Amino acid sequence: MRHQRRPNEPRQHSPDTAIVKEIRQLRSRDERERTGTFYVEGVHIVAQAVRLEAEIKTCVIAPELLTSAYGQEIVERLRAAEIPIVELSAAAFGSISFKENLQGLGAVLRPRLETIDDVRMNPAETWVALHAVGNPGNLGAILRTCDAVGCTGLIMLGDTTDPYHPAALRASMGALFAQRLVRASWEQFVTWKQQGGHMVVGTSGGAEQEYRTLEYPLPFVLLMGSERLGLSPAQQAACDLLARIPMIGSGDSLNLGVATSVVLYEAFYQHRETILSARQPVEDQV
């Protein structure tokens, strides 16, 4: 069913209007940080934002492209919540898109970033901390794995890339909205760890134990370094436990997203029942 314009709805905007230019500028990290907003696109990711109660500032639609009944239902839910709806022509929507398959639905949101002092770890929690990770696609993929194994959140240390980068958003497939996101310096992280007595697990090619033989504590933080350098000696020294991922091929390292997933899934398998029990609604545990 095609969208029918209601009497008070705005007319379609063209690619040279102000709202389109503003959204297009959100491809820049500087502009995202200046405005305190970011842009997501696609029926699935906007639906995730709605379901997980992200703060949506504006919804944009292209009626010619929005053929999904589910997508139209999401728009009606946003309309009922009195979220501003901006209608774009197909050309205008294409000019702000970073997807090949245009679905005619996008949203401008406000980020939810926390400080390290906001983090109080519960007994069954797992967090991931990334230091100086530069590839937004890796970060997005890690967020997706974090959601899959029941992690609580992601701590971004140093100059780790922006989780609201279009490539990170695309790779996360909406998992970004299910995770708590924290920004901190390395020094702040170390202080938080020491003051809270938090267990930190890291990876190193020189570690004595392989990742599958390590007994992972709960709660704990998995600390991973940059794609090129991994964890420095000082960062390894800050870890309570180190694990090695064995390799017999010609390569000397795994992709960061893959390495993080391998370790997270082993920890998940070891504590699956505890993690699942902690995530059940309170009424189901009575």
C-alpha atoms as a PDB file:
ATOM      1  CA  MET A   1       0.000   0.000   0.000  1.00  0.00           C
ATOM      2  CA  ARG A   2       1.478   3.341  -1.045  1.00  0.00           C
ATOM      3  CA  HIS A   3       1.716   6.145   1.463  1.00  0.00           C
ATOM      4  CA  GLN A   4      -1.146   8.643   1.225  1.00  0.00           C
ATOM      5  CA  ARG A   5      -0.257  12.198   2.177  1.00  0.00           C
ATOM      6  CA  ARG A   6      -2.417  13.625   4.909  1.00  0.00           C
ATOM      7  CA  PRO A   7      -3.679  17.207   4.622  1.00  0.00           C
ATOM      8  CA  ASN A   8      -1.163  18.692   7.058  1.00  0.00           C
ATOM      9  CA  GLU A   9       1.884  16.753   5.883  1.00  0.00           C
ATOM     10  CA  PRO A  10       4.759  18.657   4.223  1.00  0.00           C
ATOM     11  CA  ARG A  11       5.409  18.414   0.509  1.00  0.00           C
ATOM     12  CA  GLN A  12       8.358  16.396  -0.745  1.00  0.00           C
ATOM     13  CA  HIS A  13      11.777  17.996  -0.379  1.00  0.00           C
ATOM     14  CA  SER A  14      14.312  18.096  -3.207  1.00  0.00           C
ATOM     15  CA  PRO A  15      18.065  17.348  -2.940  1.00  0.00           C
ATOM     16  CA  ASP A  16      18.978  21.025  -2.539  1.00  0.00           C
ATOM     17  CA  THR A  17      16.762  21.802   0.464  1.00  0.00           C
ATOM     18  CA  ALA A  18      18.205  22.575   3.887  1.00  0.00           C
ATOM     19  CA  ILE A  19      17.085  19.359   5.659  1.00  0.00           C
ATOM     20  CA  VAL A  20      18.703  17.200   2.970  1.00  0.00           C
ATOM     21  CA  LYS A  21      21.954  19.137   3.170  1.00  0.00           C
ATOM     22  CA  GLU A  22      21.969  18.858   6.964  1.00  0.00           C
ATOM     23  CA  ILE A  23      21.536  15.093   6.876  1.00  0.00           C
ATOM     24  CA  ARG A  24      24.159  14.698   4.164  1.00  0.00           C
ATOM     25  CA  GLN A  25      26.649  16.582   6.342  1.00  0.00           C
ATOM     26  CA  LEU A  26      26.199  13.958   9.088  1.00  0.00           C
ATOM     27  CA  ARG A  27      28.572  11.738   7.113  1.00  0.00           C
ATOM     28  CA  SER A  28      31.280  13.841   8.780  1.00  0.00           C
ATOM     29  CA  ARG A  29      32.310  12.944  12.329  1.00  0.00           C
ATOM     30  CA  ASP A  30      32.923  16.616  13.107  1.00  0.00           C
ATOM     31  CA  GLU A  31      29.355  17.437  12.104  1.00  0.00           C
ATOM     32  CA  ARG A  32      27.936  14.529  14.085  1.00  0.00           C
ATOM     33  CA  GLU A  33      29.772  15.712  17.171  1.00  0.00           C
ATOM     34  CA  ARG A  34      28.876  19.374  16.576  1.00  0.00           C
ATOM     35  CA  THR A  35      25.159  18.682  16.228  1.00  0.00           C
ATOM     36  CA  GLY A  36      24.934  15.780  18.651  1.00  0.00           C
ATOM     37  CA  THR A  37      23.081  13.727  16.029  1.00  0.00           C
ATOM     38  CA  PHE A  38      23.670  10.885  13.594  1.00  0.00           C
ATOM     39  CA  TYR A  39      21.764   9.332  10.710  1.00  0.00           C
ATOM     40  CA  VAL A  40      20.661   5.723  10.175  1.00  0.00           C
ATOM     41  CA  GLU A  41      18.916   4.248   7.182  1.00  0.00           C
ATOM     42  CA  GLY A  42      16.941   1.112   6.417  1.00  0.00           C
ATOM     43  CA  VAL A  43      13.781  -0.530   7.711  1.00  0.00           C
ATOM     44  CA  HIS A  44      15.543  -3.000  10.012  1.00  0.00           C
ATOM     45  CA  ILE A  45      17.830  -0.527  11.760  1.00  0.00           C
ATOM     46  CA  VAL A  46      15.123   2.133  12.210  1.00  0.00           C
ATOM     47  CA  ALA A  47      12.813  -0.549  13.604  1.00  0.00           C
ATOM     48  CA  GLN A  48      15.562  -1.557  16.045  1.00  0.00           C
ATOM     49  CA  ALA A  49      15.914   2.057  17.124  1.00  0.00           C
ATOM     50  CA  VAL A  50      12.176   2.247  17.774  1.00  0.00           C
ATOM     51  CA  ARG A  51      12.009  -1.095  19.587  1.00  0.00           C
ATOM     52  CA  LEU A  52      14.952  -0.251  21.848  1.00  0.00           C
ATOM     53  CA  GLU A  53      13.676   3.265  22.555  1.00  0.00           C
ATOM     54  CA  ALA A  54      16.522   5.233  21.012  1.00  0.00           C
ATOM     55  CA  GLU A  55      16.040   8.996  20.937  1.00  0.00           C
ATOM     56  CA  ILE A  56      14.774   9.723  17.434  1.00  0.00           C
ATOM     57  CA  LYS A  57      14.841  13.387  16.476  1.00  0.00           C
ATOM     58  CA  THR A  58      13.423  13.183  12.950  1.00  0.00           C
ATOM     59  CA  CYS A  59      12.212  10.458  10.606  1.00  0.00           C
ATOM     60  CA  VAL A  60      12.717  10.808   6.839  1.00  0.00           C
ATOM     61  CA  ILE A  61      10.723   8.853   4.281  1.00  0.00           C
ATOM     62  CA  ALA A  62      10.597   8.567   0.494  1.00  0.00           C
ATOM     63  CA  PRO A  63       7.072   7.283  -0.290  1.00  0.00           C
ATOM     64  CA  GLU A  64       8.127   6.091  -3.766  1.00  0.00           C
ATOM     65  CA  LEU A  65      10.739   3.817  -2.197  1.00  0.00           C
ATOM     66  CA  LEU A  66       8.999   2.786   1.025  1.00  0.00           C
ATOM     67  CA  THR A  67       7.207  -0.318  -0.235  1.00  0.00           C
ATOM     68  CA  SER A  68       7.677  -2.419   2.914  1.00  0.00           C
ATOM     69  CA  ALA A  69       4.463  -2.833   4.916  1.00  0.00           C
ATOM     70  CA  TYR A  70       6.584  -3.232   8.052  1.00  0.00           C
ATOM     71  CA  GLY A  71       8.420  -0.021   7.252  1.00  0.00           C
ATOM     72  CA  GLN A  72       5.130   1.815   6.819  1.00  0.00           C
ATOM     73  CA  GLU A  73       3.981   0.435  10.161  1.00  0.00           C
ATOM     74  CA  ILE A  74       7.129   1.824  11.798  1.00  0.00           C
ATOM     75  CA  VAL A  75       6.415   5.235  10.288  1.00  0.00           C
ATOM     76  CA  GLU A  76       2.899   5.176  11.712  1.00  0.00           C
ATOM     77  CA  ARG A  77       4.268   4.322  15.144  1.00  0.00           C
ATOM     78  CA  LEU A  78       6.640   7.284  14.931  1.00  0.00           C
ATOM     79  CA  ARG A  79       3.838   9.518  13.753  1.00  0.00           C
ATOM     80  CA  ALA A  80       1.706   8.416  16.710  1.00  0.00           C
ATOM     81  CA  ALA A  81       4.629   9.263  19.006  1.00  0.00           C
ATOM     82  CA  GLU A  82       4.672  12.742  17.418  1.00  0.00           C
ATOM     83  CA  ILE A  83       8.156  12.306  15.933  1.00  0.00           C
ATOM     84  CA  PRO A  84       8.563  14.806  13.050  1.00  0.00           C
ATOM     85  CA  ILE A  85       8.242  13.074   9.663  1.00  0.00           C
ATOM     86  CA  VAL A  86      10.034  14.635   6.694  1.00  0.00           C
ATOM     87  CA  GLU A  87       8.947  13.465   3.250  1.00  0.00           C
ATOM     88  CA  LEU A  88      11.630  13.342   0.545  1.00  0.00           C
ATOM     89  CA  SER A  89      11.572  12.693  -3.151  1.00  0.00           C
ATOM     90  CA  ALA A  90      13.350   9.535  -4.312  1.00  0.00           C
ATOM     91  CA  ALA A  91      16.171  11.690  -5.679  1.00  0.00           C
ATOM     92  CA  ALA A  92      16.560  13.571  -2.397  1.00  0.00           C
ATOM     93  CA  PHE A  93      16.575  10.339  -0.400  1.00  0.00           C
ATOM     94  CA  GLY A  94      19.184   8.863  -2.721  1.00  0.00           C
ATOM     95  CA  SER A  95      21.402  11.918  -2.216  1.00  0.00           C
ATOM     96  CA  ILE A  96      21.658  11.275   1.549  1.00  0.00           C
ATOM     97  CA  SER A  97      21.837   7.493   1.340  1.00  0.00           C
ATOM     98  CA  PHE A  98      24.881   5.327   2.034  1.00  0.00           C
ATOM     99  CA  LYS A  99      23.082   2.122   1.016  1.00  0.00           C
ATOM    100  CA  GLU A 100      22.781   0.519  -2.411  1.00  0.00           C
ATOM    101  CA  ASN A 101      19.298  -0.882  -1.820  1.00  0.00           C
ATOM    102  CA  LEU A 102      17.198   2.183  -1.017  1.00  0.00           C
ATOM    103  CA  GLN A 103      14.315   1.333   1.314  1.00  0.00           C
ATOM    104  CA  GLY A 104      12.909   4.831   1.719  1.00  0.00           C
ATOM    105  CA  LEU A 105      13.199   5.052   5.502  1.00  0.00           C
ATOM    106  CA  GLY A 106      15.792   6.800   7.631  1.00  0.00           C
ATOM    107  CA  ALA A 107      16.071   8.619  10.931  1.00  0.00           C
ATOM    108  CA  VAL A 108      18.176  11.260  12.643  1.00  0.00           C
ATOM    109  CA  LEU A 109      18.929  10.297  16.243  1.00  0.00           C
ATOM    110  CA  ARG A 110      20.756  11.560  19.277  1.00  0.00           C
ATOM    111  CA  PRO A 111      23.635   9.397  20.563  1.00  0.00           C
ATOM    112  CA  ARG A 112      23.682   7.838  24.029  1.00  0.00           C
ATOM    113  CA  LEU A 113      27.290   7.970  25.199  1.00  0.00           C
ATOM    114  CA  GLU A 114      28.244   7.397  28.818  1.00  0.00           C
ATOM    115  CA  THR A 115      31.370   8.001  30.874  1.00  0.00           C
ATOM    116  CA  ILE A 116      33.351   5.233  32.538  1.00  0.00           C
ATOM    117  CA  ASP A 117      32.111   6.421  35.943  1.00  0.00           C
ATOM    118  CA  ASP A 118      28.579   5.425  34.854  1.00  0.00           C
ATOM    119  CA  VAL A 119      29.586   1.756  34.597  1.00  0.00           C
ATOM    120  CA  ARG A 120      28.767  -0.462  37.576  1.00  0.00           C
ATOM    121  CA  MET A 121      29.240  -4.076  36.582  1.00  0.00           C
ATOM    122  CA  ASN A 122      26.643  -6.611  37.680  1.00  0.00           C
ATOM    123  CA  PRO A 123      27.661 -10.202  38.535  1.00  0.00           C
ATOM    124  CA  ALA A 124      26.746 -11.773  35.177  1.00  0.00           C
ATOM    125  CA  GLU A 125      27.945  -8.991  32.897  1.00  0.00           C
ATOM    126  CA  THR A 126      30.481  -9.012  30.088  1.00  0.00           C
ATOM    127  CA  TRP A 127      31.845  -5.851  28.501  1.00  0.00           C
ATOM    128  CA  VAL A 128      34.259  -5.259  25.628  1.00  0.00           C
ATOM    129  CA  ALA A 129      36.882  -2.503  25.668  1.00  0.00           C
ATOM    130  CA  LEU A 130      38.581  -1.456  22.426  1.00  0.00           C
ATOM    131  CA  HIS A 131      41.752   0.605  22.387  1.00  0.00           C
ATOM    132  CA  ALA A 132      42.667   2.744  19.360  1.00  0.00           C
ATOM    133  CA  VAL A 133      40.533   0.718  16.943  1.00  0.00           C
ATOM    134  CA  GLY A 134      40.414   2.603  13.663  1.00  0.00           C
ATOM    135  CA  ASN A 135      38.174   0.555  11.377  1.00  0.00           C
ATOM    136  CA  PRO A 136      34.478   1.449  11.829  1.00  0.00           C
ATOM    137  CA  GLY A 137      33.400  -1.755  10.079  1.00  0.00           C
ATOM    138  CA  ASN A 138      35.273  -3.807  12.685  1.00  0.00           C
ATOM    139  CA  LEU A 139      33.681  -1.813  15.486  1.00  0.00           C
ATOM    140  CA  GLY A 140      30.206  -2.358  14.051  1.00  0.00           C
ATOM    141  CA  ALA A 141      30.801  -6.090  13.631  1.00  0.00           C
ATOM    142  CA  ILE A 142      32.016  -6.320  17.230  1.00  0.00           C
ATOM    143  CA  LEU A 143      28.856  -4.562  18.419  1.00  0.00           C
ATOM    144  CA  ARG A 144      26.808  -7.160  16.558  1.00  0.00           C
ATOM    145  CA  THR A 145      28.666  -9.998  18.277  1.00  0.00           C
ATOM    146  CA  CYS A 146      28.355  -8.258  21.649  1.00  0.00           C
ATOM    147  CA  ASP A 147      24.593  -8.211  21.240  1.00  0.00           C
ATOM    148  CA  ALA A 148      24.521 -11.852  20.114  1.00  0.00           C
ATOM    149  CA  VAL A 149      26.328 -13.151  23.209  1.00  0.00           C
ATOM    150  CA  GLY A 150      24.581 -10.892  25.720  1.00  0.00           C
ATOM    151  CA  CYS A 151      27.297  -8.350  26.419  1.00  0.00           C
ATOM    152  CA  THR A 152      26.193  -5.232  28.246  1.00  0.00           C
ATOM    153  CA  GLY A 153      28.247  -2.664  26.408  1.00  0.00           C
ATOM    154  CA  LEU A 154      31.339  -1.390  24.654  1.00  0.00           C
ATOM    155  CA  ILE A 155      34.042   0.842  26.157  1.00  0.00           C
ATOM    156  CA  MET A 156      35.892   2.855  23.505  1.00  0.00           C
ATOM    157  CA  LEU A 157      39.370   3.856  24.635  1.00  0.00           C
ATOM    158  CA  GLY A 158      41.759   6.436  23.223  1.00  0.00           C
ATOM    159  CA  ASP A 159      41.171   7.407  19.603  1.00  0.00           C
ATOM    160  CA  THR A 160      38.883   4.496  18.793  1.00  0.00           C
ATOM    161  CA  THR A 161      36.689   5.251  15.789  1.00  0.00           C
ATOM    162  CA  ASP A 162      33.166   6.684  15.941  1.00  0.00           C
ATOM    163  CA  PRO A 163      30.419   4.064  16.520  1.00  0.00           C
ATOM    164  CA  TYR A 164      28.047   6.357  14.596  1.00  0.00           C
ATOM    165  CA  HIS A 165      30.148   6.246  11.427  1.00  0.00           C
ATOM    166  CA  PRO A 166      27.972   4.976   8.530  1.00  0.00           C
ATOM    167  CA  ALA A 167      30.181   1.883   8.113  1.00  0.00           C
ATOM    168  CA  ALA A 168      29.900   1.048  11.824  1.00  0.00           C
ATOM    169  CA  LEU A 169      26.138   1.524  11.752  1.00  0.00           C
ATOM    170  CA  ARG A 170      25.794  -0.670   8.705  1.00  0.00           C
ATOM    171  CA  ALA A 171      27.960  -3.455  10.161  1.00  0.00           C
ATOM    172  CA  SER A 172      26.193  -3.359  13.538  1.00  0.00           C
ATOM    173  CA  MET A 173      22.790  -4.097  11.930  1.00  0.00           C
ATOM    174  CA  GLY A 174      21.054  -2.194  14.734  1.00  0.00           C
ATOM    175  CA  ALA A 175      22.989  -3.899  17.546  1.00  0.00           C
ATOM    176  CA  LEU A 176      24.333  -0.472  18.464  1.00  0.00           C
ATOM    177  CA  PHE A 177      20.987   0.353  20.071  1.00  0.00           C
ATOM    178  CA  ALA A 178      21.142  -2.732  22.307  1.00  0.00           C
ATOM    179  CA  GLN A 179      24.549  -1.865  23.778  1.00  0.00           C
ATOM    180  CA  ARG A 180      25.676   0.738  26.273  1.00  0.00           C
ATOM    181  CA  LEU A 181      28.446   2.850  24.740  1.00  0.00           C
ATOM    182  CA  VAL A 182      31.196   4.410  26.840  1.00  0.00           C
ATOM    183  CA  ARG A 183      34.040   6.792  25.954  1.00  0.00           C
ATOM    184  CA  ALA A 184      37.156   6.925  28.142  1.00  0.00           C
ATOM    185  CA  SER A 185      40.897   7.472  28.056  1.00  0.00           C
ATOM    186  CA  TRP A 186      43.255   4.596  28.825  1.00  0.00           C
ATOM    187  CA  GLU A 187      44.154   6.236  32.129  1.00  0.00           C
ATOM    188  CA  GLN A 188      40.491   6.564  33.119  1.00  0.00           C
ATOM    189  CA  PHE A 189      39.910   2.911  32.264  1.00  0.00           C
ATOM    190  CA  VAL A 190      42.848   1.728  34.392  1.00  0.00           C
ATOM    191  CA  THR A 191      41.690   3.837  37.345  1.00  0.00           C
ATOM    192  CA  TRP A 192      38.136   2.477  36.998  1.00  0.00           C
ATOM    193  CA  LYS A 193      39.448  -1.099  36.849  1.00  0.00           C
ATOM    194  CA  GLN A 194      41.619  -0.685  39.930  1.00  0.00           C
ATOM    195  CA  GLN A 195      39.055   1.136  42.028  1.00  0.00           C
ATOM    196  CA  GLY A 196      36.274  -1.301  41.156  1.00  0.00           C
ATOM    197  CA  GLY A 197      38.392  -4.444  41.236  1.00  0.00           C
ATOM    198  CA  HIS A 198      37.144  -5.366  37.758  1.00  0.00           C
ATOM    199  CA  MET A 199      38.636  -8.378  35.982  1.00  0.00           C
ATOM    200  CA  VAL A 200      40.119  -7.691  32.544  1.00  0.00           C
ATOM    201  CA  VAL A 201      40.974 -10.374  29.990  1.00  0.00           C
ATOM    202  CA  GLY A 202      43.221  -9.616  27.031  1.00  0.00           C
ATOM    203  CA  THR A 203      44.686 -11.481  24.086  1.00  0.00           C
ATOM    204  CA  SER A 204      48.319 -11.979  23.127  1.00  0.00           C
ATOM    205  CA  GLY A 205      50.156 -14.288  20.760  1.00  0.00           C
ATOM    206  CA  GLY A 206      52.610 -14.936  23.566  1.00  0.00           C
ATOM    207  CA  ALA A 207      50.058 -15.939  26.207  1.00  0.00           C
ATOM    208  CA  GLU A 208      50.549 -19.342  27.820  1.00  0.00           C
ATOM    209  CA  GLN A 209      46.897 -20.412  27.734  1.00  0.00           C
ATOM    210  CA  GLU A 210      44.765 -20.816  24.652  1.00  0.00           C
ATOM    211  CA  TYR A 211      41.432 -19.011  24.651  1.00  0.00           C
ATOM    212  CA  ARG A 212      39.463 -22.279  24.981  1.00  0.00           C
ATOM    213  CA  THR A 213      41.325 -23.518  28.040  1.00  0.00           C
ATOM    214  CA  LEU A 214      41.067 -20.224  29.908  1.00  0.00           C
ATOM    215  CA  GLU A 215      38.423 -20.046  32.637  1.00  0.00           C
ATOM    216  CA  TYR A 216      36.676 -16.753  32.121  1.00  0.00           C
ATOM    217  CA  PRO A 217      35.481 -14.945  35.251  1.00  0.00           C
ATOM    218  CA  LEU A 218      32.151 -13.210  35.594  1.00  0.00           C
ATOM    219  CA  PRO A 219      31.865 -10.316  35.397  1.00  0.00           C
ATOM    220  CA  PHE A 220      34.783  -9.356  33.157  1.00  0.00           C
ATOM    221  CA  VAL A 221      35.922  -6.956  30.447  1.00  0.00           C
ATOM    222  CA  LEU A 222      37.506  -8.265  27.247  1.00  0.00           C
ATOM    223  CA  LEU A 223      40.213  -5.787  26.221  1.00  0.00           C
ATOM    224  CA  MET A 224      41.254  -5.753  22.557  1.00  0.00           C
ATOM    225  CA  GLY A 225      43.859  -3.550  20.913  1.00  0.00           C
ATOM    226  CA  SER A 226      44.194  -1.914  17.521  1.00  0.00           C
ATOM    227  CA  GLU A 227      43.997  -3.889  14.296  1.00  0.00           C
ATOM    228  CA  ARG A 228      47.683  -3.406  13.512  1.00  0.00           C
ATOM    229  CA  LEU A 229      49.407  -3.462  16.905  1.00  0.00           C
ATOM    230  CA  GLY A 230      47.160  -5.382  19.269  1.00  0.00           C
ATOM    231  CA  LEU A 231      47.755  -4.768  22.974  1.00  0.00           C
ATOM    232  CA  SER A 232      50.952  -3.043  24.021  1.00  0.00           C
ATOM    233  CA  PRO A 233      53.121  -4.576  26.793  1.00  0.00           C
ATOM    234  CA  ALA A 234      51.703  -2.008  29.248  1.00  0.00           C
ATOM    235  CA  GLN A 235      48.139  -2.897  28.264  1.00  0.00           C
ATOM    236  CA  GLN A 236      48.858  -6.603  28.600  1.00  0.00           C
ATOM    237  CA  ALA A 237      50.302  -5.936  32.061  1.00  0.00           C
ATOM    238  CA  ALA A 238      47.026  -4.255  33.045  1.00  0.00           C
ATOM    239  CA  CYS A 239      45.105  -7.468  32.246  1.00  0.00           C
ATOM    240  CA  ASP A 240      44.364 -10.055  34.913  1.00  0.00           C
ATOM    241  CA  LEU A 241      44.320 -12.879  32.357  1.00  0.00           C
ATOM    242  CA  LEU A 242      45.723 -13.302  28.851  1.00  0.00           C
ATOM    243  CA  ALA A 243      44.615 -15.756  26.198  1.00  0.00           C
ATOM    244  CA  ARG A 244      46.181 -16.909  22.928  1.00  0.00           C
ATOM    245  CA  ILE A 245      44.250 -17.737  19.763  1.00  0.00           C
ATOM    246  CA  PRO A 246      46.213 -20.508  18.001  1.00  0.00           C
ATOM    247  CA  MET A 247      46.958 -20.178  14.281  1.00  0.00           C
ATOM    248  CA  ILE A 248      48.677 -22.646  11.928  1.00  0.00           C
ATOM    249  CA  GLY A 249      48.284 -20.803   8.612  1.00  0.00           C
ATOM    250  CA  SER A 250      50.595 -18.340   6.909  1.00  0.00           C
ATOM    251  CA  GLY A 251      48.935 -15.256   8.430  1.00  0.00           C
ATOM    252  CA  ASP A 252      50.149 -13.783  11.677  1.00  0.00           C
ATOM    253  CA  SER A 253      46.858 -12.414  12.973  1.00  0.00           C
ATOM    254  CA  LEU A 254      43.079 -12.588  12.687  1.00  0.00           C
ATOM    255  CA  ASN A 255      40.733  -9.788  11.767  1.00  0.00           C
ATOM    256  CA  LEU A 256      39.931  -7.882  14.967  1.00  0.00           C
ATOM    257  CA  GLY A 257      36.192  -8.512  14.691  1.00  0.00           C
ATOM    258  CA  VAL A 258      36.784 -12.247  14.184  1.00  0.00           C
ATOM    259  CA  ALA A 259      39.271 -12.488  17.073  1.00  0.00           C
ATOM    260  CA  THR A 260      36.897 -10.680  19.413  1.00  0.00           C
ATOM    261  CA  SER A 261      34.013 -12.931  18.384  1.00  0.00           C
ATOM    262  CA  VAL A 262      36.029 -16.115  18.941  1.00  0.00           C
ATOM    263  CA  VAL A 263      36.863 -15.163  22.528  1.00  0.00           C
ATOM    264  CA  LEU A 264      33.409 -13.803  23.355  1.00  0.00           C
ATOM    265  CA  TYR A 265      31.723 -16.982  22.192  1.00  0.00           C
ATOM    266  CA  GLU A 266      34.001 -19.179  24.287  1.00  0.00           C
ATOM    267  CA  ALA A 267      33.195 -17.070  27.362  1.00  0.00           C
ATOM    268  CA  PHE A 268      29.510 -17.260  26.450  1.00  0.00           C
ATOM    269  CA  TYR A 269      29.601 -21.064  26.190  1.00  0.00           C
ATOM    270  CA  GLN A 270      31.256 -21.306  29.604  1.00  0.00           C
ATOM    271  CA  HIS A 271      28.634 -19.129  31.279  1.00  0.00           C
ATOM    272  CA  ARG A 272      25.626 -19.589  29.013  1.00  0.00           C
ATOM    273  CA  GLU A 273      23.111 -20.599  31.673  1.00  0.00           C
ATOM    274  CA  THR A 274      24.173 -17.826  34.050  1.00  0.00           C
ATOM    275  CA  ILE A 275      23.981 -15.192  31.329  1.00  0.00           C
ATOM    276  CA  LEU A 276      20.609 -16.390  30.076  1.00  0.00           C
ATOM    277  CA  SER A 277      19.194 -16.555  33.589  1.00  0.00           C
ATOM    278  CA  ALA A 278      20.334 -13.010  34.338  1.00  0.00           C
ATOM    279  CA  ARG A 279      18.578 -11.733  31.205  1.00  0.00           C
ATOM    280  CA  GLN A 280      15.206 -13.319  31.973  1.00  0.00           C
ATOM    281  CA  PRO A 281      12.389 -11.019  33.075  1.00  0.00           C
ATOM    282  CA  VAL A 282      12.100 -10.860  36.840  1.00  0.00           C
ATOM    283  CA  GLU A 283       8.699 -12.526  36.780  1.00  0.00           C
ATOM    284  CA  ASP A 284      10.148 -15.535  34.926  1.00  0.00           C
ATOM    285  CA  GLN A 285      12.731 -16.093  37.667  1.00  0.00           C
ATOM    286  CA  VAL A 286      10.184 -16.314  40.500  1.00  0.00           C
END
